[in-house]
Every structure is written in C-alpha cells, then in structure tokens.
Amino acid sequence: MEMIERLVSRKYELELWREEIQYLKNYQKENQWPSSFR
C-alpha cells in the first residue's frame, strides 16, 4: 500500500513538472529570450 501511494505522488510530481515545462516553453516563445539565457 505504501508503495502505491509513493508511486501516485511521484506521478503527480511528474505531471506538475510537465505543466511547468510546457508553461516555460510557451513563455519563451512569446518573449523570445536570447539563446544565451539557457
């Protein structure tokens, strides 16, 4: 049972990360940061 809960929370974290990355990509596209920023 413990294991499953851990997996679920892990998956949740990954989902959040994906959203975050998506957001950053969109933001970057809109504002056209210089490539040196990375």
N, C-alpha and C. Protein backbone atom coordinates (compact mmCIF):
# COMPACT_ATOMS: atom_id res chain seq x y z
N MET A 1 0.83 -1.20 0.00
CA MET A 1 0.00 0.00 0.00
C MET A 1 0.87 1.26 0.00
N GLU A 2 1.85 1.25 0.86
CA GLU A 2 2.80 2.38 0.92
C GLU A 2 3.37 2.68 -0.46
N MET A 3 3.78 1.62 -1.10
CA MET A 3 4.42 1.72 -2.40
C MET A 3 3.53 2.45 -3.40
N ILE A 4 2.28 2.04 -3.44
CA ILE A 4 1.34 2.64 -4.40
C ILE A 4 1.20 4.13 -4.15
N GLU A 5 1.05 4.49 -2.90
CA GLU A 5 0.92 5.91 -2.57
C GLU A 5 2.13 6.69 -3.06
N ARG A 6 3.28 6.10 -2.85
CA ARG A 6 4.51 6.78 -3.29
C ARG A 6 4.50 6.95 -4.81
N LEU A 7 4.10 5.90 -5.50
CA LEU A 7 4.05 5.98 -6.96
C LEU A 7 3.08 7.06 -7.42
N VAL A 8 1.94 7.11 -6.78
CA VAL A 8 0.94 8.11 -7.15
C VAL A 8 1.49 9.52 -6.96
N SER A 9 2.09 9.76 -5.81
CA SER A 9 2.63 11.10 -5.56
C SER A 9 3.74 11.42 -6.55
N ARG A 10 4.51 10.40 -6.90
CA ARG A 10 5.59 10.57 -7.87
C ARG A 10 5.00 11.01 -9.22
N LYS A 11 3.96 10.29 -9.63
CA LYS A 11 3.31 10.59 -10.90
C LYS A 11 2.76 12.01 -10.88
N TYR A 12 2.20 12.37 -9.74
CA TYR A 12 1.64 13.71 -9.60
C TYR A 12 2.74 14.77 -9.78
N GLU A 13 3.89 14.51 -9.18
CA GLU A 13 5.02 15.44 -9.31
C GLU A 13 5.42 15.57 -10.77
N LEU A 14 5.48 14.45 -11.45
CA LEU A 14 5.86 14.48 -12.86
C LEU A 14 4.87 15.29 -13.68
N GLU A 15 3.59 15.11 -13.38
CA GLU A 15 2.57 15.88 -14.09
C GLU A 15 2.80 17.37 -13.89
N LEU A 16 3.08 17.75 -12.66
CA LEU A 16 3.32 19.16 -12.36
C LEU A 16 4.52 19.66 -13.14
N TRP A 17 5.56 18.84 -13.17
CA TRP A 17 6.76 19.22 -13.90
C TRP A 17 6.47 19.45 -15.38
N ARG A 18 5.66 18.54 -15.92
CA ARG A 18 5.35 18.67 -17.35
C ARG A 18 4.62 19.98 -17.62
N GLU A 19 3.67 20.30 -16.76
CA GLU A 19 2.94 21.56 -16.93
C GLU A 19 3.89 22.74 -16.84
N GLU A 20 4.77 22.67 -15.86
CA GLU A 20 5.74 23.74 -15.65
C GLU A 20 6.58 23.95 -16.90
N ILE A 21 7.10 22.86 -17.43
CA ILE A 21 7.95 22.92 -18.62
C ILE A 21 7.17 23.48 -19.80
N GLN A 22 5.94 23.00 -19.95
CA GLN A 22 5.10 23.48 -21.04
C GLN A 22 4.93 24.98 -20.93
N TYR A 23 4.66 25.43 -19.72
CA TYR A 23 4.46 26.85 -19.46
C TYR A 23 5.72 27.64 -19.83
N LEU A 24 6.86 27.12 -19.41
CA LEU A 24 8.12 27.80 -19.70
C LEU A 24 8.37 27.89 -21.20
N LYS A 25 8.08 26.81 -21.90
CA LYS A 25 8.28 26.82 -23.35
C LYS A 25 7.42 27.88 -24.01
N ASN A 26 6.16 27.92 -23.61
CA ASN A 26 5.25 28.92 -24.18
C ASN A 26 5.75 30.32 -23.87
N TYR A 27 6.16 30.50 -22.65
CA TYR A 27 6.66 31.80 -22.21
C TYR A 27 7.86 32.22 -23.05
N GLN A 28 8.74 31.27 -23.24
CA GLN A 28 9.95 31.53 -24.01
C GLN A 28 9.59 31.93 -25.44
N LYS A 29 8.63 31.22 -26.01
CA LYS A 29 8.21 31.50 -27.38
C LYS A 29 7.66 32.93 -27.49
N GLU A 30 6.84 33.29 -26.52
CA GLU A 30 6.21 34.61 -26.57
C GLU A 30 7.23 35.73 -26.41
N ASN A 31 8.18 35.53 -25.53
CA ASN A 31 9.11 36.62 -25.21
C ASN A 31 10.43 36.56 -25.97
N GLN A 32 10.65 35.44 -26.66
CA GLN A 32 11.87 35.31 -27.46
C GLN A 32 13.12 35.71 -26.67
N TRP A 33 13.41 34.92 -25.64
CA TRP A 33 14.63 35.16 -24.88
C TRP A 33 15.84 34.90 -25.77
N PRO A 34 16.91 35.59 -25.51
CA PRO A 34 18.16 35.26 -26.20
C PRO A 34 18.61 33.84 -25.84
N SER A 35 19.21 33.16 -26.76
CA SER A 35 19.59 31.77 -26.51
C SER A 35 20.65 31.65 -25.41
N SER A 36 21.36 32.72 -25.16
CA SER A 36 22.39 32.68 -24.11
C SER A 36 21.77 32.56 -22.72
N PHE A 37 20.47 32.79 -22.65
CA PHE A 37 19.79 32.74 -21.36
C PHE A 37 19.79 31.33 -20.78
N ARG A 38 19.74 30.32 -21.67
CA ARG A 38 19.66 28.94 -21.20
C ARG A 38 20.89 28.51 -20.44
